[in-house]
């Protein structure tokens, strides 16, 4: 959040905060809190959703949104 020129400083502060909280982190992540800056692969995103749910979402997406019009942060692709 904030002006574009503040983005690098904000990212650095957020990275420091996340690193400080790492001892209490769970091994799974919540999709809503994953930044597009994390550069997750489709395989990593599938692990976060769980294989069955990811595959179901990918099937629906392929059927109803083949041009990927509806996307945010991380694009779901069939694996």
Protein backbone atom coordinates (compact mmCIF):
# COMPACT_ATOMS: atom_id res chain seq x y z
CA UNK A 1 0.00 0.00 0.00
CA UNK A 2 1.19 3.51 -0.67
CA UNK A 3 2.89 5.36 -3.47
CA UNK A 4 4.96 3.44 -6.01
CA UNK A 5 8.20 5.05 -4.83
CA UNK A 6 7.64 3.57 -1.36
CA UNK A 7 7.29 0.00 -2.69
CA UNK A 8 10.95 -1.07 -2.26
CA UNK A 9 11.08 0.14 1.35
CA UNK A 10 7.70 -1.42 2.09
CA UNK A 11 8.81 -4.76 0.64
CA UNK A 12 11.98 -4.69 2.73
CA UNK A 13 10.03 -3.93 5.92
CA UNK A 14 7.52 -6.68 5.16
CA UNK A 15 10.30 -9.18 4.48
CA UNK A 16 11.89 -8.32 7.84
CA UNK A 17 8.55 -8.75 9.61
CA UNK A 18 7.89 -12.12 7.98
CA UNK A 19 11.40 -13.31 8.82
CA UNK A 20 10.91 -12.25 12.45
CA UNK A 21 7.67 -14.23 12.67
CA UNK A 22 9.10 -17.33 10.95
CA UNK A 23 9.52 -19.35 14.20
CA UNK A 24 5.73 -19.34 14.59
CA UNK A 25 4.84 -19.90 10.94
CA UNK A 26 2.82 -22.88 9.78
CA UNK A 27 4.16 -24.96 6.91
CA UNK A 28 1.09 -24.14 4.78
CA UNK A 29 0.26 -20.68 3.49
CA UNK A 30 -3.06 -18.96 2.95
CA UNK A 31 -3.62 -18.12 -0.70
CA UNK A 32 -5.06 -14.71 0.18
CA UNK A 33 -1.78 -13.66 1.78
CA UNK A 34 0.64 -14.72 -0.94
CA UNK A 35 2.23 -11.82 -2.74
CA UNK A 36 2.71 -11.89 -6.51
CA UNK A 37 6.30 -10.87 -5.68
CA UNK A 38 6.88 -14.37 -4.28
CA UNK A 39 7.02 -15.74 -7.81
CA UNK A 40 5.42 -19.07 -7.00
CA UNK A 41 5.45 -21.79 -9.61
CA UNK A 42 2.22 -23.59 -10.46
CA UNK A 43 3.59 -26.64 -8.61
CA UNK A 44 4.17 -24.61 -5.43
CA UNK A 45 0.72 -23.02 -5.70
CA UNK A 46 -0.81 -26.48 -6.14
CA UNK A 47 0.85 -27.59 -2.90
CA UNK A 48 -0.67 -24.61 -1.06
CA UNK A 49 -4.20 -25.28 -2.35
CA UNK A 50 -3.84 -29.03 -2.07
CA UNK A 51 -3.74 -31.24 -5.15
CA UNK A 52 -7.45 -32.12 -5.33
CA UNK A 53 -8.71 -28.54 -4.92
CA UNK A 54 -6.10 -27.08 -7.28
CA UNK A 55 -6.95 -29.63 -9.98
CA UNK A 56 -10.66 -28.91 -9.59
CA UNK A 57 -10.10 -25.15 -9.88
CA UNK A 58 -7.83 -25.68 -12.91
CA UNK A 59 -10.52 -27.78 -14.64
CA UNK A 60 -13.21 -25.13 -14.01
CA UNK A 61 -10.85 -22.36 -15.11
CA UNK A 62 -9.94 -24.18 -18.31
CA UNK A 63 -13.61 -24.73 -19.14
CA UNK A 64 -15.03 -21.30 -18.27
CA UNK A 65 -12.04 -18.97 -18.59
CA UNK A 66 -9.68 -20.37 -21.23
CA UNK A 67 -8.37 -16.89 -22.08
CA UNK A 68 -7.44 -16.25 -18.41
CA UNK A 69 -9.52 -13.09 -18.19
CA UNK A 70 -10.17 -13.58 -14.47
CA UNK A 71 -6.90 -13.70 -12.60
CA UNK A 72 -5.38 -12.13 -9.57
CA UNK A 73 -1.93 -12.60 -8.10
CA UNK A 74 -1.39 -16.21 -9.18
CA UNK A 75 -2.78 -17.76 -12.31
CA UNK A 76 -4.18 -21.27 -12.01
CA UNK A 77 -3.03 -23.51 -14.85
CA UNK A 78 -3.64 -27.18 -15.53
CA UNK A 79 -0.63 -29.31 -14.64
